[in-house]
Amino acid sequence: MICLTLSESICLYPRFDFGTRQLIFFVLDKYTQMGIIKQVKDVVQGKAPIGAKRSSKWPAVRKNHLKLHPECAVCGDKKKLEVHHIKPFHLHPELELEPTNLITMCESKSYGIICHLLIGHNGSYQKINPNVIEDAKAWHKKLLG
């Protein structure tokens, strides 16, 4: 995708509309761009189905969770942290913002594993690990004693 940069934080993305035969430009700020890129990446990796919508309150809830729980529940790493939903938000939207449904996991490979993928999703982002809390505690004990 080509971006015509207008400023440090704003880009124009061209798209040709074959119906009207016109070149259309979408204006996206860097925060919208990051959100779109993250959403597409999540769909491609199987982390969330197409059309799964986050609450507008999610960024604040995520930030607060990471402030309270700033390290991976599995390995203790503090890099590349993800806030994992114990019960997936696309299946249980009422639990998306519920603090008791969240656990911090990393994707940093600090012990040779991606904790979020291996423990949070049993090795595939399309899977759900109903025992994620117990598994995280067990692996934390194995890795860190």
C-alpha atoms as a PDB file:
ATOM      1  CA  MET A   1       0.000   0.000   0.000  1.00  0.00           C
ATOM      2  CA  ILE A   2       1.388   3.393  -0.978  1.00  0.00           C
ATOM      3  CA  CYS A   3       1.234   6.234   1.536  1.00  0.00           C
ATOM      4  CA  LEU A   4       1.551   9.860   0.502  1.00  0.00           C
ATOM      5  CA  THR A   5       2.808  11.510   3.682  1.00  0.00           C
ATOM      6  CA  LEU A   6       1.243  14.874   4.497  1.00  0.00           C
ATOM      7  CA  SER A   7       2.827  15.293   7.897  1.00  0.00           C
ATOM      8  CA  GLU A   8       4.573  13.213  10.525  1.00  0.00           C
ATOM      9  CA  SER A   9       1.271  11.669  11.561  1.00  0.00           C
ATOM     10  CA  ILE A  10      -1.040  11.867   8.517  1.00  0.00           C
ATOM     11  CA  CYS A  11      -0.975   9.858   5.284  1.00  0.00           C
ATOM     12  CA  LEU A  12      -3.093   9.728   2.139  1.00  0.00           C
ATOM     13  CA  TYR A  13      -3.803   6.220   0.849  1.00  0.00           C
ATOM     14  CA  PRO A  14      -4.891   6.091  -2.799  1.00  0.00           C
ATOM     15  CA  ARG A  15      -7.468   3.623  -4.100  1.00  0.00           C
ATOM     16  CA  PHE A  16      -8.826   3.378  -7.632  1.00  0.00           C
ATOM     17  CA  ASP A  17     -12.611   3.009  -7.788  1.00  0.00           C
ATOM     18  CA  PHE A  18     -13.249   0.957 -10.920  1.00  0.00           C
ATOM     19  CA  GLY A  19     -16.992   1.754 -10.862  1.00  0.00           C
ATOM     20  CA  THR A  20     -16.512   5.528 -11.087  1.00  0.00           C
ATOM     21  CA  ARG A  21     -13.046   5.294 -12.654  1.00  0.00           C
ATOM     22  CA  GLN A  22     -11.725   7.789 -10.129  1.00  0.00           C
ATOM     23  CA  LEU A  23      -8.748   7.833  -7.847  1.00  0.00           C
ATOM     24  CA  ILE A  24      -9.916   8.170  -4.246  1.00  0.00           C
ATOM     25  CA  PHE A  25      -7.678   9.077  -1.316  1.00  0.00           C
ATOM     26  CA  PHE A  26      -8.270   7.960   2.267  1.00  0.00           C
ATOM     27  CA  VAL A  27      -6.809  10.210   4.933  1.00  0.00           C
ATOM     28  CA  LEU A  28      -5.574   8.271   7.948  1.00  0.00           C
ATOM     29  CA  ASP A  29      -3.744   9.543  10.992  1.00  0.00           C
ATOM     30  CA  LYS A  30      -0.981   7.372  12.444  1.00  0.00           C
ATOM     31  CA  TYR A  31      -3.184   6.086  15.276  1.00  0.00           C
ATOM     32  CA  THR A  32      -5.891   4.930  12.871  1.00  0.00           C
ATOM     33  CA  GLN A  33      -3.215   3.384  10.656  1.00  0.00           C
ATOM     34  CA  MET A  34      -1.769   1.441  13.596  1.00  0.00           C
ATOM     35  CA  GLY A  35      -5.257   0.273  14.589  1.00  0.00           C
ATOM     36  CA  ILE A  36      -6.053  -0.924  11.071  1.00  0.00           C
ATOM     37  CA  ILE A  37      -2.686  -2.623  10.698  1.00  0.00           C
ATOM     38  CA  LYS A  38      -3.110  -4.357  14.088  1.00  0.00           C
ATOM     39  CA  GLN A  39      -6.636  -5.500  13.183  1.00  0.00           C
ATOM     40  CA  VAL A  40      -5.521  -6.915   9.818  1.00  0.00           C
ATOM     41  CA  LYS A  41      -2.526  -8.608  11.473  1.00  0.00           C
ATOM     42  CA  ASP A  42      -4.788 -10.162  14.141  1.00  0.00           C
ATOM     43  CA  VAL A  43      -7.177 -11.520  11.491  1.00  0.00           C
ATOM     44  CA  VAL A  44      -4.331 -12.949   9.396  1.00  0.00           C
ATOM     45  CA  GLN A  45      -2.782 -14.631  12.451  1.00  0.00           C
ATOM     46  CA  GLY A  46      -6.183 -15.966  13.501  1.00  0.00           C
ATOM     47  CA  LYS A  47      -6.247 -13.998  16.766  1.00  0.00           C
ATOM     48  CA  ALA A  48      -9.668 -12.503  16.015  1.00  0.00           C
ATOM     49  CA  PRO A  49     -12.264 -13.203  13.336  1.00  0.00           C
ATOM     50  CA  ILE A  50     -13.038 -10.638  10.645  1.00  0.00           C
ATOM     51  CA  GLY A  51     -15.524  -8.120  11.986  1.00  0.00           C
ATOM     52  CA  ALA A  52     -14.656  -8.631  15.665  1.00  0.00           C
ATOM     53  CA  LYS A  53     -15.093  -5.148  17.109  1.00  0.00           C
ATOM     54  CA  ARG A  54     -13.324  -3.860  20.179  1.00  0.00           C
ATOM     55  CA  SER A  55     -14.967  -1.543  22.660  1.00  0.00           C
ATOM     56  CA  SER A  56     -13.810   2.058  22.455  1.00  0.00           C
ATOM     57  CA  LYS A  57     -12.820   1.635  26.116  1.00  0.00           C
ATOM     58  CA  TRP A  58     -10.420  -1.244  25.317  1.00  0.00           C
ATOM     59  CA  PRO A  59      -7.218   0.852  24.909  1.00  0.00           C
ATOM     60  CA  ALA A  60      -7.684   2.385  28.390  1.00  0.00           C
ATOM     61  CA  VAL A  61      -8.515  -0.999  29.973  1.00  0.00           C
ATOM     62  CA  ARG A  62      -5.479  -2.594  28.272  1.00  0.00           C
ATOM     63  CA  LYS A  63      -3.175   0.222  29.405  1.00  0.00           C
ATOM     64  CA  ASN A  64      -4.456  -0.013  32.989  1.00  0.00           C
ATOM     65  CA  HIS A  65      -4.085  -3.810  33.022  1.00  0.00           C
ATOM     66  CA  LEU A  66      -0.464  -3.554  31.847  1.00  0.00           C
ATOM     67  CA  LYS A  67       0.204  -0.915  34.496  1.00  0.00           C
ATOM     68  CA  LEU A  68      -1.090  -3.295  37.200  1.00  0.00           C
ATOM     69  CA  HIS A  69       0.414  -6.457  35.634  1.00  0.00           C
ATOM     70  CA  PRO A  70       3.568  -5.309  33.771  1.00  0.00           C
ATOM     71  CA  GLU A  71       5.132  -8.718  33.158  1.00  0.00           C
ATOM     72  CA  CYS A  72       4.281 -11.989  31.438  1.00  0.00           C
ATOM     73  CA  ALA A  73       2.398 -14.354  33.763  1.00  0.00           C
ATOM     74  CA  VAL A  74       4.350 -17.261  32.266  1.00  0.00           C
ATOM     75  CA  CYS A  75       7.989 -16.176  32.006  1.00  0.00           C
ATOM     76  CA  GLY A  76       8.126 -12.801  33.756  1.00  0.00           C
ATOM     77  CA  ASP A  77       9.382 -10.953  30.659  1.00  0.00           C
ATOM     78  CA  LYS A  78       8.452  -7.295  30.229  1.00  0.00           C
ATOM     79  CA  LYS A  79       8.855  -7.044  26.440  1.00  0.00           C
ATOM     80  CA  LYS A  80       6.249  -7.470  23.676  1.00  0.00           C
ATOM     81  CA  LEU A  81       3.375  -7.836  26.127  1.00  0.00           C
ATOM     82  CA  GLU A  82      -0.148  -8.772  25.108  1.00  0.00           C
ATOM     83  CA  VAL A  83      -3.273  -8.626  27.233  1.00  0.00           C
ATOM     84  CA  HIS A  84      -4.884 -12.019  26.668  1.00  0.00           C
ATOM     85  CA  HIS A  85      -8.594 -12.606  27.182  1.00  0.00           C
ATOM     86  CA  ILE A  86      -9.155 -15.799  29.152  1.00  0.00           C
ATOM     87  CA  LYS A  87     -12.560 -16.105  27.507  1.00  0.00           C
ATOM     88  CA  PRO A  88     -12.231 -14.595  23.993  1.00  0.00           C
ATOM     89  CA  PHE A  89     -13.942 -11.241  23.563  1.00  0.00           C
ATOM     90  CA  HIS A  90     -15.490 -12.235  20.232  1.00  0.00           C
ATOM     91  CA  LEU A  91     -17.311 -15.119  21.968  1.00  0.00           C
ATOM     92  CA  HIS A  92     -17.968 -13.290  25.254  1.00  0.00           C
ATOM     93  CA  PRO A  93     -18.229  -9.560  24.423  1.00  0.00           C
ATOM     94  CA  GLU A  94     -19.628  -8.860  27.889  1.00  0.00           C
ATOM     95  CA  LEU A  95     -16.236  -9.911  29.353  1.00  0.00           C
ATOM     96  CA  GLU A  96     -14.012  -7.857  27.032  1.00  0.00           C
ATOM     97  CA  LEU A  97     -13.357  -5.145  29.644  1.00  0.00           C
ATOM     98  CA  GLU A  98     -13.643  -7.347  32.747  1.00  0.00           C
ATOM     99  CA  PRO A  99     -10.315  -7.298  34.654  1.00  0.00           C
ATOM    100  CA  THR A 100     -10.792 -10.878  35.900  1.00  0.00           C
ATOM    101  CA  ASN A 101     -10.908 -12.058  32.270  1.00  0.00           C
ATOM    102  CA  LEU A 102      -7.441 -10.668  31.456  1.00  0.00           C
ATOM    103  CA  ILE A 103      -3.939 -12.055  31.830  1.00  0.00           C
ATOM    104  CA  THR A 104      -0.623 -10.592  30.643  1.00  0.00           C
ATOM    105  CA  MET A 105       1.409 -12.752  28.264  1.00  0.00           C
ATOM    106  CA  CYS A 106       4.401 -11.998  26.049  1.00  0.00           C
ATOM    107  CA  GLU A 107       5.389 -12.687  22.480  1.00  0.00           C
ATOM    108  CA  SER A 108       9.091 -12.093  23.110  1.00  0.00           C
ATOM    109  CA  LYS A 109      10.468 -15.671  22.924  1.00  0.00           C
ATOM    110  CA  SER A 110      12.623 -15.040  25.995  1.00  0.00           C
ATOM    111  CA  TYR A 111      12.708 -18.762  26.868  1.00  0.00           C
ATOM    112  CA  GLY A 112      12.454 -19.895  23.268  1.00  0.00           C
ATOM    113  CA  ILE A 113       8.658 -19.860  23.337  1.00  0.00           C
ATOM    114  CA  ILE A 114       5.942 -17.340  22.546  1.00  0.00           C
ATOM    115  CA  CYS A 115       3.997 -17.515  25.807  1.00  0.00           C
ATOM    116  CA  HIS A 116       0.868 -15.885  24.367  1.00  0.00           C
ATOM    117  CA  LEU A 117       0.732 -18.434  21.529  1.00  0.00           C
ATOM    118  CA  LEU A 118       1.861 -21.562  23.407  1.00  0.00           C
ATOM    119  CA  ILE A 119       0.092 -21.105  26.756  1.00  0.00           C
ATOM    120  CA  GLY A 120      -2.677 -18.667  25.864  1.00  0.00           C
ATOM    121  CA  HIS A 121      -3.766 -20.492  22.708  1.00  0.00           C
ATOM    122  CA  ASN A 122      -2.317 -24.016  22.991  1.00  0.00           C
ATOM    123  CA  GLY A 123      -0.046 -23.412  20.010  1.00  0.00           C
ATOM    124  CA  SER A 124      -2.623 -21.976  17.569  1.00  0.00           C
ATOM    125  CA  TYR A 125      -4.308 -18.574  17.715  1.00  0.00           C
ATOM    126  CA  GLN A 126      -7.525 -20.277  16.576  1.00  0.00           C
ATOM    127  CA  LYS A 127      -7.595 -22.345  19.787  1.00  0.00           C
ATOM    128  CA  ILE A 128      -8.805 -21.405  23.250  1.00  0.00           C
ATOM    129  CA  ASN A 129      -7.036 -22.610  26.399  1.00  0.00           C
ATOM    130  CA  PRO A 130      -9.682 -22.831  29.145  1.00  0.00           C
ATOM    131  CA  ASN A 131      -6.906 -23.604  31.667  1.00  0.00           C
ATOM    132  CA  VAL A 132      -4.720 -20.632  30.781  1.00  0.00           C
ATOM    133  CA  ILE A 133      -4.413 -19.346  34.364  1.00  0.00           C
ATOM    134  CA  GLU A 134      -3.395 -22.726  35.789  1.00  0.00           C
ATOM    135  CA  ASP A 135      -1.054 -23.415  32.863  1.00  0.00           C
ATOM    136  CA  ALA A 136       0.583 -19.980  33.205  1.00  0.00           C
ATOM    137  CA  LYS A 137       1.202 -20.597  36.919  1.00  0.00           C
ATOM    138  CA  ALA A 138       2.613 -24.089  36.278  1.00  0.00           C
ATOM    139  CA  TRP A 139       4.967 -22.877  33.528  1.00  0.00           C
ATOM    140  CA  HIS A 140       5.991 -19.846  35.608  1.00  0.00           C
ATOM    141  CA  LYS A 141       7.022 -22.227  38.399  1.00  0.00           C
ATOM    142  CA  LYS A 142       8.937 -24.492  35.947  1.00  0.00           C
ATOM    143  CA  LEU A 143      10.763 -21.590  34.291  1.00  0.00           C
ATOM    144  CA  LEU A 144      11.462 -19.387  37.280  1.00  0.00           C
ATOM    145  CA  GLY A 145      11.389 -21.847  40.150  1.00  0.00           C
END
